[in-house]
Amino acid sequence: MPDSSPRFSMIEPDAKAPTLKRLRQLSRLLDNVITIPGTKIGFGLDPILGLIPIGGDFLGVMFSSYIILEAARLGVSRATLGKMVVNVIVDGLVGTVPVLGDFFDFAWRANTNNIKLLEEYLKFPSEQKSADRLFIIALLVGLLLISIVLVALPVILIRIFWNALTGG
């Protein structure tokens, strides 16, 4: 008789490998798809998206949220999901700071870190409780709110800067 306790994954074991492979590819695309010739230094679409004024960091957080959602579907614990969310929040919030945030985006690889957390959890699943649907929804709503702040914050900063320049 199959065990339907909440500690078991919502995705069948046979589906975990293709899901993990897809998440690794997305992480590589976001964090390390382009390597600077002659070096081991690479970057991905996330720092490039971060260069787009106002909406770039929003897009980066949305792509990163997909990795977290899929990790939750794989049955990752609340603690691991929490660490993954913190990585994305740090990436998004620091990314909003003009110039400094852009350099930070090239160095901080939130998606790569999150894939490492996911792989570590899948190698050594703990007895910790898997995240339930309500917890996952709360995380995703929180990330959406952070994304909205990432759009609003640069607009507010630009307005303050403009008022300081024009004396208005």
N, C-alpha and C. Protein backbone atom coordinates (compact mmCIF):
# COMPACT_ATOMS: atom_id res chain seq x y z
N MET A 1 0.84 -1.18 0.00
CA MET A 1 0.00 0.00 0.00
C MET A 1 0.88 1.24 0.00
N PRO A 2 0.68 2.16 -0.97
CA PRO A 2 1.53 3.35 -1.03
C PRO A 2 1.28 4.27 0.15
N ASP A 3 2.36 4.85 0.61
CA ASP A 3 2.29 5.80 1.72
C ASP A 3 2.00 7.18 1.16
N SER A 4 0.94 7.80 1.63
CA SER A 4 0.57 9.12 1.11
C SER A 4 0.88 10.22 2.12
N SER A 5 1.80 9.94 3.04
CA SER A 5 2.13 10.95 4.03
C SER A 5 2.76 12.17 3.35
N PRO A 6 2.61 13.35 3.95
CA PRO A 6 3.10 14.57 3.32
C PRO A 6 4.61 14.65 3.20
N ARG A 7 5.37 13.76 3.86
CA ARG A 7 6.82 13.86 3.75
C ARG A 7 7.34 13.33 2.43
N PHE A 8 6.48 12.64 1.67
CA PHE A 8 6.90 12.14 0.38
C PHE A 8 6.65 13.17 -0.69
N SER A 9 7.45 13.13 -1.72
CA SER A 9 7.42 14.10 -2.80
C SER A 9 6.10 14.10 -3.54
N MET A 10 5.76 15.25 -4.10
CA MET A 10 4.58 15.37 -4.94
C MET A 10 4.90 14.94 -6.37
N ILE A 11 6.16 14.72 -6.69
CA ILE A 11 6.57 14.27 -8.01
C ILE A 11 7.09 12.84 -7.87
N GLU A 12 6.70 12.00 -8.80
CA GLU A 12 7.15 10.61 -8.78
C GLU A 12 8.69 10.55 -8.88
N PRO A 13 9.30 9.56 -8.24
CA PRO A 13 10.77 9.46 -8.28
C PRO A 13 11.35 9.42 -9.69
N ASP A 14 10.67 8.78 -10.62
CA ASP A 14 11.17 8.72 -11.99
C ASP A 14 11.20 10.09 -12.66
N ALA A 15 10.39 11.02 -12.19
CA ALA A 15 10.32 12.34 -12.79
C ALA A 15 11.33 13.31 -12.18
N LYS A 16 11.97 12.92 -11.09
CA LYS A 16 12.90 13.83 -10.43
C LYS A 16 14.13 14.14 -11.27
N ALA A 17 14.68 13.14 -11.93
CA ALA A 17 15.90 13.36 -12.72
C ALA A 17 15.66 14.34 -13.87
N PRO A 18 14.60 14.19 -14.68
CA PRO A 18 14.38 15.18 -15.74
C PRO A 18 14.08 16.58 -15.19
N THR A 19 13.36 16.63 -14.07
CA THR A 19 13.06 17.94 -13.46
C THR A 19 14.35 18.60 -12.99
N LEU A 20 15.19 17.84 -12.32
CA LEU A 20 16.46 18.38 -11.84
C LEU A 20 17.34 18.82 -13.00
N LYS A 21 17.36 18.05 -14.07
CA LYS A 21 18.15 18.41 -15.25
C LYS A 21 17.64 19.73 -15.84
N ARG A 22 16.33 19.89 -15.94
CA ARG A 22 15.74 21.12 -16.47
C ARG A 22 16.07 22.31 -15.57
N LEU A 23 16.03 22.11 -14.26
CA LEU A 23 16.35 23.20 -13.33
C LEU A 23 17.83 23.57 -13.40
N ARG A 24 18.69 22.58 -13.58
CA ARG A 24 20.13 22.87 -13.74
C ARG A 24 20.36 23.71 -15.00
N GLN A 25 19.66 23.36 -16.09
CA GLN A 25 19.81 24.11 -17.33
C GLN A 25 19.33 25.54 -17.17
N LEU A 26 18.20 25.73 -16.49
CA LEU A 26 17.70 27.08 -16.25
C LEU A 26 18.67 27.86 -15.38
N SER A 27 19.19 27.23 -14.35
CA SER A 27 20.16 27.89 -13.47
C SER A 27 21.40 28.31 -14.25
N ARG A 28 21.90 27.42 -15.10
CA ARG A 28 23.08 27.75 -15.91
C ARG A 28 22.77 28.90 -16.86
N LEU A 29 21.60 28.90 -17.47
CA LEU A 29 21.20 29.98 -18.36
C LEU A 29 21.15 31.32 -17.61
N LEU A 30 20.65 31.29 -16.40
CA LEU A 30 20.51 32.53 -15.63
C LEU A 30 21.82 33.00 -15.01
N ASP A 31 22.69 32.07 -14.64
CA ASP A 31 23.87 32.45 -13.86
C ASP A 31 25.22 32.30 -14.57
N ASN A 32 25.32 31.43 -15.58
CA ASN A 32 26.67 31.12 -16.05
C ASN A 32 26.72 30.64 -17.50
N VAL A 33 25.87 31.14 -18.36
CA VAL A 33 25.81 30.62 -19.73
C VAL A 33 26.92 31.18 -20.62
N ILE A 34 27.42 32.35 -20.32
CA ILE A 34 28.44 33.01 -21.14
C ILE A 34 29.75 33.04 -20.35
N THR A 35 30.80 32.48 -20.95
CA THR A 35 32.12 32.51 -20.31
C THR A 35 33.00 33.50 -21.05
N ILE A 36 33.67 34.34 -20.29
CA ILE A 36 34.59 35.31 -20.88
C ILE A 36 35.79 34.53 -21.42
N PRO A 37 36.09 34.68 -22.71
CA PRO A 37 37.18 33.90 -23.32
C PRO A 37 38.51 34.08 -22.58
N GLY A 38 39.17 32.96 -22.37
CA GLY A 38 40.48 32.99 -21.71
C GLY A 38 40.40 33.01 -20.20
N THR A 39 39.19 32.99 -19.65
CA THR A 39 39.03 33.00 -18.20
C THR A 39 38.03 31.93 -17.80
N LYS A 40 37.90 31.74 -16.52
CA LYS A 40 36.85 30.85 -15.99
C LYS A 40 35.67 31.68 -15.48
N ILE A 41 35.69 32.96 -15.77
CA ILE A 41 34.64 33.86 -15.31
C ILE A 41 33.46 33.79 -16.28
N GLY A 42 32.30 33.56 -15.71
CA GLY A 42 31.10 33.48 -16.54
C GLY A 42 29.96 34.27 -15.94
N PHE A 43 28.97 34.51 -16.75
CA PHE A 43 27.76 35.18 -16.28
C PHE A 43 26.60 34.70 -17.13
N GLY A 44 25.41 35.00 -16.70
CA GLY A 44 24.22 34.54 -17.40
C GLY A 44 23.24 35.66 -17.67
N LEU A 45 22.01 35.27 -17.90
CA LEU A 45 20.98 36.26 -18.22
C LEU A 45 20.56 37.09 -17.01
N ASP A 46 20.69 36.55 -15.81
CA ASP A 46 20.24 37.29 -14.62
C ASP A 46 20.94 38.64 -14.50
N PRO A 47 22.27 38.73 -14.57
CA PRO A 47 22.88 40.05 -14.49
C PRO A 47 22.55 40.93 -15.70
N ILE A 48 22.35 40.30 -16.85
CA ILE A 48 21.97 41.08 -18.04
C ILE A 48 20.57 41.65 -17.86
N LEU A 49 19.65 40.82 -17.35
CA LEU A 49 18.30 41.31 -17.07
C LEU A 49 18.34 42.43 -16.03
N GLY A 50 19.27 42.31 -15.06
CA GLY A 50 19.40 43.33 -14.02
C GLY A 50 19.79 44.70 -14.57
N LEU A 51 20.37 44.73 -15.76
CA LEU A 51 20.74 46.01 -16.37
C LEU A 51 19.53 46.75 -16.95
N ILE A 52 18.43 46.02 -17.16
CA ILE A 52 17.22 46.65 -17.68
C ILE A 52 16.61 47.49 -16.56
N PRO A 53 16.44 48.78 -16.80
CA PRO A 53 15.89 49.63 -15.74
C PRO A 53 14.49 49.18 -15.32
N ILE A 54 14.25 49.25 -14.06
CA ILE A 54 12.99 49.01 -13.38
C ILE A 54 12.54 47.55 -13.42
N GLY A 55 12.33 46.94 -14.57
CA GLY A 55 11.74 45.61 -14.64
C GLY A 55 12.72 44.45 -14.68
N GLY A 56 14.00 44.72 -14.83
CA GLY A 56 14.96 43.64 -14.98
C GLY A 56 15.08 42.75 -13.76
N ASP A 57 15.17 43.35 -12.59
CA ASP A 57 15.28 42.56 -11.36
C ASP A 57 13.99 41.80 -11.09
N PHE A 58 12.86 42.37 -11.48
CA PHE A 58 11.57 41.69 -11.36
C PHE A 58 11.60 40.39 -12.16
N LEU A 59 12.07 40.46 -13.40
CA LEU A 59 12.15 39.26 -14.23
C LEU A 59 13.08 38.21 -13.63
N GLY A 60 14.22 38.67 -13.12
CA GLY A 60 15.16 37.75 -12.49
C GLY A 60 14.55 37.01 -11.32
N VAL A 61 13.80 37.71 -10.48
CA VAL A 61 13.14 37.08 -9.33
C VAL A 61 12.07 36.10 -9.82
N MET A 62 11.36 36.44 -10.87
CA MET A 62 10.32 35.54 -11.38
C MET A 62 10.94 34.23 -11.89
N PHE A 63 12.04 34.30 -12.63
CA PHE A 63 12.71 33.09 -13.10
C PHE A 63 13.23 32.26 -11.91
N SER A 64 13.79 32.94 -10.94
CA SER A 64 14.31 32.24 -9.76
C SER A 64 13.18 31.61 -8.95
N SER A 65 12.02 32.24 -8.96
CA SER A 65 10.86 31.71 -8.24
C SER A 65 10.41 30.38 -8.84
N TYR A 66 10.58 30.24 -10.14
CA TYR A 66 10.22 28.98 -10.79
C TYR A 66 11.06 27.83 -10.24
N ILE A 67 12.34 28.08 -10.04
CA ILE A 67 13.22 27.04 -9.48
C ILE A 67 12.75 26.66 -8.09
N ILE A 68 12.35 27.65 -7.30
CA ILE A 68 11.87 27.37 -5.94
C ILE A 68 10.56 26.60 -5.99
N LEU A 69 9.67 26.96 -6.88
CA LEU A 69 8.39 26.24 -7.02
C LEU A 69 8.63 24.78 -7.39
N GLU A 70 9.51 24.54 -8.33
CA GLU A 70 9.81 23.16 -8.73
C GLU A 70 10.50 22.39 -7.59
N ALA A 71 11.34 23.07 -6.83
CA ALA A 71 11.98 22.41 -5.68
C ALA A 71 10.91 22.00 -4.66
N ALA A 72 9.92 22.85 -4.48
CA ALA A 72 8.82 22.52 -3.56
C ALA A 72 8.05 21.30 -4.09
N ARG A 73 7.84 21.25 -5.38
CA ARG A 73 7.15 20.09 -5.97
C ARG A 73 7.96 18.81 -5.81
N LEU A 74 9.28 18.94 -5.72
CA LEU A 74 10.13 17.78 -5.51
C LEU A 74 10.14 17.33 -4.05
N GLY A 75 9.46 18.07 -3.19
CA GLY A 75 9.34 17.68 -1.79
C GLY A 75 10.40 18.21 -0.87
N VAL A 76 11.06 19.29 -1.26
CA VAL A 76 12.11 19.89 -0.44
C VAL A 76 11.51 20.42 0.86
N SER A 77 12.29 20.36 1.92
CA SER A 77 11.81 20.78 3.24
C SER A 77 11.61 22.29 3.30
N ARG A 78 10.86 22.70 4.30
CA ARG A 78 10.62 24.13 4.53
C ARG A 78 11.93 24.88 4.76
N ALA A 79 12.82 24.28 5.54
CA ALA A 79 14.09 24.94 5.86
C ALA A 79 14.90 25.20 4.59
N THR A 80 14.97 24.23 3.70
CA THR A 80 15.72 24.39 2.46
C THR A 80 15.05 25.42 1.56
N LEU A 81 13.73 25.36 1.47
CA LEU A 81 13.01 26.36 0.67
C LEU A 81 13.24 27.77 1.22
N GLY A 82 13.28 27.88 2.54
CA GLY A 82 13.54 29.18 3.16
C GLY A 82 14.90 29.73 2.78
N LYS A 83 15.92 28.86 2.77
CA LYS A 83 17.27 29.28 2.36
C LYS A 83 17.27 29.72 0.90
N MET A 84 16.53 29.00 0.07
CA MET A 84 16.46 29.33 -1.35
C MET A 84 15.81 30.70 -1.55
N VAL A 85 14.76 30.96 -0.80
CA VAL A 85 14.07 32.25 -0.90
C VAL A 85 15.00 33.38 -0.46
N VAL A 86 15.75 33.17 0.61
CA VAL A 86 16.69 34.19 1.08
C VAL A 86 17.71 34.51 -0.02
N ASN A 87 18.22 33.50 -0.71
CA ASN A 87 19.16 33.73 -1.82
C ASN A 87 18.55 34.64 -2.88
N VAL A 88 17.29 34.38 -3.22
CA VAL A 88 16.62 35.16 -4.26
C VAL A 88 16.34 36.58 -3.77
N ILE A 89 15.94 36.72 -2.52
CA ILE A 89 15.66 38.06 -1.97
C ILE A 89 16.94 38.90 -1.95
N VAL A 90 18.04 38.31 -1.50
CA VAL A 90 19.31 39.04 -1.48
C VAL A 90 19.68 39.47 -2.90
N ASP A 91 19.56 38.55 -3.86
CA ASP A 91 19.88 38.85 -5.25
C ASP A 91 19.01 39.99 -5.77
N GLY A 92 17.72 39.92 -5.50
CA GLY A 92 16.81 40.93 -6.01
C GLY A 92 16.98 42.29 -5.35
N LEU A 93 17.06 42.32 -4.03
CA LEU A 93 17.13 43.60 -3.33
C LEU A 93 18.46 44.32 -3.58
N VAL A 94 19.56 43.60 -3.51
CA VAL A 94 20.86 44.25 -3.76
C VAL A 94 20.95 44.64 -5.24
N GLY A 95 20.32 43.87 -6.10
CA GLY A 95 20.33 44.18 -7.53
C GLY A 95 19.66 45.49 -7.88
N THR A 96 18.81 46.02 -7.00
CA THR A 96 18.13 47.28 -7.29
C THR A 96 19.02 48.50 -7.07
N VAL A 97 20.10 48.33 -6.33
CA VAL A 97 21.00 49.45 -6.07
C VAL A 97 21.76 49.77 -7.37
N PRO A 98 21.62 50.99 -7.86
CA PRO A 98 22.29 51.33 -9.13
C PRO A 98 23.80 51.08 -9.07
N VAL A 99 24.35 50.58 -10.12
CA VAL A 99 25.76 50.26 -10.36
C VAL A 99 26.24 49.15 -9.42
N LEU A 100 26.22 49.36 -8.11
CA LEU A 100 26.65 48.34 -7.16
C LEU A 100 25.84 47.06 -7.35
N GLY A 101 24.55 47.20 -7.52
CA GLY A 101 23.68 46.05 -7.72
C GLY A 101 24.01 45.29 -8.99
N ASP A 102 24.39 46.01 -10.02
CA ASP A 102 24.75 45.36 -11.28
C ASP A 102 26.02 44.53 -11.13
N PHE A 103 27.01 45.07 -10.42
CA PHE A 103 28.23 44.30 -10.17
C PHE A 103 27.94 43.10 -9.27
N PHE A 104 27.07 43.31 -8.30
CA PHE A 104 26.69 42.23 -7.39
C PHE A 104 26.03 41.08 -8.15
N ASP A 105 25.19 41.42 -9.13
CA ASP A 105 24.51 40.40 -9.93
C ASP A 105 25.49 39.50 -10.68
N PHE A 106 26.63 40.05 -11.07
CA PHE A 106 27.63 39.25 -11.76
C PHE A 106 28.34 38.28 -10.80
N ALA A 107 28.41 38.64 -9.52
CA ALA A 107 29.13 37.82 -8.55
C ALA A 107 28.22 36.85 -7.79
N TRP A 108 27.03 37.29 -7.42
CA TRP A 108 26.11 36.48 -6.62
C TRP A 108 25.29 35.59 -7.53
N ARG A 109 25.41 34.31 -7.37
CA ARG A 109 24.72 33.35 -8.23
C ARG A 109 23.64 32.63 -7.41
N ALA A 110 22.54 33.33 -7.21
CA ALA A 110 21.46 32.79 -6.38
C ALA A 110 20.91 31.48 -6.94
N ASN A 111 20.75 31.40 -8.24
CA ASN A 111 20.17 30.20 -8.84
C ASN A 111 21.11 29.00 -8.72
N THR A 112 22.40 29.22 -8.91
CA THR A 112 23.38 28.16 -8.75
C THR A 112 23.39 27.69 -7.29
N ASN A 113 23.35 28.63 -6.37
CA ASN A 113 23.30 28.28 -4.95
C ASN A 113 22.04 27.47 -4.63
N ASN A 114 20.92 27.87 -5.25
CA ASN A 114 19.67 27.16 -4.99
C ASN A 114 19.68 25.75 -5.57
N ILE A 115 20.30 25.57 -6.71
CA ILE A 115 20.42 24.22 -7.28
C ILE A 115 21.30 23.36 -6.37
N LYS A 116 22.36 23.93 -5.82
CA LYS A 116 23.21 23.18 -4.88
C LYS A 116 22.41 22.76 -3.64
N LEU A 117 21.59 23.68 -3.13
CA LEU A 117 20.75 23.35 -1.98
C LEU A 117 19.77 22.22 -2.33
N LEU A 118 19.17 22.31 -3.50
CA LEU A 118 18.24 21.29 -3.96
C LEU A 118 18.92 19.93 -4.10
N GLU A 119 20.08 19.91 -4.76
CA GLU A 119 20.81 18.66 -4.95
C GLU A 119 21.23 18.06 -3.61
N GLU A 120 21.68 18.90 -2.71
CA GLU A 120 22.09 18.42 -1.38
C GLU A 120 20.90 17.79 -0.66
N TYR A 121 19.76 18.44 -0.76
CA TYR A 121 18.57 17.89 -0.10
C TYR A 121 18.18 16.55 -0.74
N LEU A 122 18.22 16.48 -2.06
CA LEU A 122 17.81 15.24 -2.74
C LEU A 122 18.79 14.09 -2.48
N LYS A 123 20.08 14.43 -2.26
CA LYS A 123 21.06 13.39 -1.93
C LYS A 123 20.82 12.83 -0.55
N PHE A 124 20.54 13.73 0.39
CA PHE A 124 20.37 13.35 1.78
C PHE A 124 19.05 13.91 2.31
N PRO A 125 17.94 13.34 1.86
CA PRO A 125 16.66 13.87 2.33
C PRO A 125 16.56 13.74 3.85
N SER A 126 16.15 14.78 4.46
CA SER A 126 16.06 14.77 5.92
C SER A 126 14.67 14.32 6.33
N GLU A 127 14.53 14.14 7.58
CA GLU A 127 13.22 13.77 8.12
C GLU A 127 12.35 15.00 8.35
N GLN A 128 12.88 16.16 7.95
CA GLN A 128 12.10 17.38 8.12
C GLN A 128 10.86 17.31 7.25
N LYS A 129 9.85 17.98 7.71
CA LYS A 129 8.57 17.97 7.00
C LYS A 129 8.69 18.70 5.67
N SER A 130 8.13 18.10 4.63
CA SER A 130 8.06 18.77 3.33
C SER A 130 7.13 19.96 3.45
N ALA A 131 7.34 20.92 2.60
CA ALA A 131 6.50 22.11 2.62
C ALA A 131 5.10 21.75 2.13
N ASP A 132 4.09 22.21 2.84
CA ASP A 132 2.72 21.98 2.40
C ASP A 132 2.30 23.09 1.44
N ARG A 133 1.16 22.92 0.82
CA ARG A 133 0.70 23.85 -0.21
C ARG A 133 0.57 25.28 0.33
N LEU A 134 0.05 25.42 1.54
CA LEU A 134 -0.13 26.75 2.11
C LEU A 134 1.22 27.46 2.28
N PHE A 135 2.23 26.72 2.73
CA PHE A 135 3.57 27.29 2.90
C PHE A 135 4.14 27.71 1.54
N ILE A 136 3.96 26.87 0.53
CA ILE A 136 4.46 27.17 -0.81
C ILE A 136 3.76 28.40 -1.38
N ILE A 137 2.46 28.47 -1.20
CA ILE A 137 1.71 29.65 -1.68
C ILE A 137 2.19 30.90 -0.97
N ALA A 138 2.42 30.80 0.34
CA ALA A 138 2.91 31.97 1.10
C ALA A 138 4.29 32.40 0.58
N LEU A 139 5.16 31.45 0.29
CA LEU A 139 6.48 31.79 -0.25
C LEU A 139 6.36 32.49 -1.60
N LEU A 140 5.53 31.96 -2.48
CA LEU A 140 5.38 32.54 -3.81
C LEU A 140 4.73 33.92 -3.76
N VAL A 141 3.75 34.10 -2.87
CA VAL A 141 3.14 35.42 -2.71
C VAL A 141 4.18 36.39 -2.17
N GLY A 142 5.00 35.94 -1.22
CA GLY A 142 6.07 36.79 -0.69
C GLY A 142 7.06 37.19 -1.77
N LEU A 143 7.43 36.24 -2.63
CA LEU A 143 8.35 36.57 -3.73
C LEU A 143 7.70 37.52 -4.73
N LEU A 144 6.41 37.37 -4.96
CA LEU A 144 5.70 38.30 -5.85
C LEU A 144 5.71 39.70 -5.25
N LEU A 145 5.47 39.81 -3.95
CA LEU A 145 5.50 41.12 -3.29
C LEU A 145 6.90 41.74 -3.36
N ILE A 146 7.92 40.92 -3.16
CA ILE A 146 9.30 41.41 -3.30
C ILE A 146 9.53 41.91 -4.71
N SER A 147 9.01 41.19 -5.69
CA SER A 147 9.16 41.59 -7.09
C SER A 147 8.49 42.93 -7.35
N ILE A 148 7.35 43.13 -6.76
CA ILE A 148 6.65 44.41 -6.93
C ILE A 148 7.47 45.54 -6.30
N VAL A 149 8.06 45.26 -5.15
CA VAL A 149 8.93 46.26 -4.51
C VAL A 149 10.13 46.56 -5.43
N LEU A 150 10.63 45.52 -6.10
CA LEU A 150 11.77 45.72 -7.00
C LEU A 150 11.42 46.61 -8.18
N VAL A 151 10.17 46.66 -8.55
CA VAL A 151 9.73 47.57 -9.61
C VAL A 151 9.50 48.96 -9.03
N ALA A 152 8.89 49.03 -7.86
CA ALA A 152 8.54 50.32 -7.27
C ALA A 152 9.76 51.06 -6.74
N LEU A 153 10.72 50.36 -6.15
CA LEU A 153 11.87 51.00 -5.54
C LEU A 153 12.68 51.84 -6.53
N PRO A 154 13.04 51.32 -7.70
CA PRO A 154 13.78 52.17 -8.65
C PRO A 154 12.97 53.38 -9.12
N VAL A 155 11.67 53.20 -9.27
CA VAL A 155 10.83 54.34 -9.68
C VAL A 155 10.87 55.42 -8.61
N ILE A 156 10.78 55.03 -7.36
CA ILE A 156 10.84 55.99 -6.25
C ILE A 156 12.21 56.66 -6.21
N LEU A 157 13.28 55.86 -6.35
CA LEU A 157 14.64 56.43 -6.33
C LEU A 157 14.87 57.40 -7.49
N ILE A 158 14.37 57.05 -8.66
CA ILE A 158 14.51 57.94 -9.82
C ILE A 158 13.75 59.24 -9.57
N ARG A 159 12.57 59.12 -8.99
CA ARG A 159 11.78 60.34 -8.71
C ARG A 159 12.49 61.22 -7.69
N ILE A 160 13.04 60.63 -6.63
CA ILE A 160 13.78 61.41 -5.63
C ILE A 160 14.98 62.08 -6.27
N PHE A 161 15.73 61.33 -7.08
CA PHE A 161 16.90 61.87 -7.76
C PHE A 161 16.50 63.00 -8.71
N TRP A 162 15.43 62.83 -9.46
CA TRP A 162 14.95 63.85 -10.39
C TRP A 162 14.53 65.11 -9.64
N ASN A 163 13.82 64.93 -8.53
CA ASN A 163 13.41 66.10 -7.73
C ASN A 163 14.61 66.82 -7.14
N ALA A 164 15.65 66.07 -6.75
CA ALA A 164 16.86 66.71 -6.23
C ALA A 164 17.57 67.51 -7.30
N LEU A 165 17.56 66.99 -8.53
CA LEU A 165 18.22 67.69 -9.64
C LEU A 165 17.44 68.93 -10.09
N THR A 166 16.14 68.80 -10.13
CA THR A 166 15.32 69.89 -10.65
C THR A 166 14.84 70.84 -9.57
N GLY A 167 15.05 70.48 -8.32
CA GLY A 167 14.63 71.35 -7.22
C GLY A 167 13.13 71.32 -6.99
N GLY A 168 12.47 70.27 -7.50
CA GLY A 168 11.01 70.19 -7.39
C GLY A 168 10.53 69.39 -6.30
